[in-house]
Protein backbone atom coordinates (compact mmCIF):
# COMPACT_ATOMS: atom_id res chain seq x y z
CA MET A 1 0.00 0.00 0.00
CA TYR A 2 2.71 2.46 0.99
CA LEU A 3 4.47 2.12 -2.36
CA ASN A 4 1.34 3.25 -4.20
CA ILE A 5 1.27 6.74 -2.70
CA SER A 6 3.60 9.70 -2.92
CA ALA A 7 5.82 10.87 -0.07
CA THR A 8 3.67 13.95 0.55
CA GLU A 9 0.52 11.81 0.77
CA LEU A 10 2.24 9.47 3.24
CA ILE A 11 3.31 12.40 5.42
CA ALA A 12 -0.22 13.82 5.36
CA MET A 13 -1.68 10.44 6.31
CA ASN A 14 0.70 10.10 9.25
CA MET A 15 0.11 13.66 10.49
CA SER A 16 -3.67 13.28 10.68
CA ILE A 17 -5.45 11.38 13.43
CA ASP A 18 -7.90 8.71 12.32
CA ALA A 19 -11.03 8.97 14.49
CA GLU A 20 -12.08 5.37 13.89
CA ALA A 21 -8.70 3.97 14.96
CA LEU A 22 -8.75 6.29 17.98
CA ASP A 23 -12.19 4.98 18.96
CA LEU A 24 -11.05 1.37 18.63
CA VAL A 25 -8.11 1.97 20.96
CA SER A 26 -10.28 3.83 23.47
CA LYS A 27 -12.51 0.74 23.61
CA LEU A 28 -9.48 -1.10 25.01
CA GLY A 29 -9.81 1.07 28.12
CA TYR A 30 -7.45 3.94 27.32
CA GLU A 31 -8.51 7.57 27.54
CA LYS A 32 -8.50 9.46 24.24
CA ARG A 33 -6.34 12.29 25.56
CA GLU A 34 -3.74 9.75 26.71
CA ILE A 35 -3.80 8.02 23.31
CA LEU A 36 -3.30 11.36 21.56
CA LYS A 37 -0.38 12.12 23.86
CA ALA A 38 1.17 8.76 22.99
CA ILE A 39 0.76 9.39 19.26
CA GLU A 40 2.29 12.86 19.58
CA MET A 41 5.39 11.40 21.25
CA GLY A 42 6.12 9.48 18.07
CA PRO A 43 9.71 8.20 17.88
CA ASP A 44 10.42 9.47 21.39
CA LEU A 45 8.61 6.39 22.67
CA LEU A 46 11.53 4.33 21.42
CA THR A 47 13.70 5.80 24.16
CA CYS A 48 11.62 4.32 26.96
CA SER A 49 14.72 2.91 28.66
CA GLU A 50 15.93 6.48 29.22
CA PHE A 51 12.48 7.69 30.27
CA PRO A 52 10.63 4.86 32.04
CA ASP A 53 7.54 6.99 32.61
CA ARG A 54 6.92 6.92 28.84
CA ALA A 55 6.63 3.13 28.77
CA VAL A 56 2.93 3.30 29.68
CA TYR A 57 2.25 5.12 26.40
CA ARG A 58 3.88 2.56 24.13
CA PRO A 59 0.97 0.03 24.14
CA MET A 60 -1.46 2.83 23.26
CA ALA A 61 0.64 3.97 20.31
CA VAL A 62 1.16 0.40 19.10
CA ALA A 63 -2.56 -0.38 19.34
CA TYR A 64 -3.44 2.82 17.47
CA HIS A 65 -1.01 2.17 14.62
CA LEU A 66 -2.00 -1.50 14.28
CA ASN A 67 -5.67 -0.55 14.11
CA LEU A 68 -4.87 2.23 11.66
CA ASP A 69 -3.00 -0.18 9.37
CA ASN A 70 -5.87 -2.69 9.53
CA LEU A 71 -8.41 0.00 8.67
CA ARG A 72 -6.31 1.19 5.72
CA LYS A 73 -5.93 -2.37 4.44
CA PHE A 74 -9.68 -2.90 4.76
CA ASP A 75 -10.38 0.36 2.87
CA GLN A 76 -7.93 -0.65 0.17
CA ARG A 77 -9.59 -4.06 -0.24
CA LYS A 78 -13.00 -2.39 -0.53
CA SER A 79 -11.69 -0.17 -3.32
CA TRP A 80 -10.26 -3.19 -5.14
CA THR A 81 -13.59 -5.02 -5.11
CA ARG A 82 -15.22 -2.06 -6.85
CA PHE A 83 -13.02 -2.70 -9.90
CA ILE A 84 -13.66 -6.43 -10.08
């Protein structure tokens, strides 16, 4: 999927927050403001060994991005079936 879009489109996709993916993660018991904070930390979450207090945000960010990828794959499959 990522090879089919331009670099500017990929950046725009990653800068916007997907409401559906956010809702799915909040159903796991996380608060939306905490999820947004985790997403905003971005690559800084990789330095959790230096900042142990950030470790609680990693599962939220991972869950968000996994749900986001699944939703994008689902949307892409729906668009493919329209052409068949």
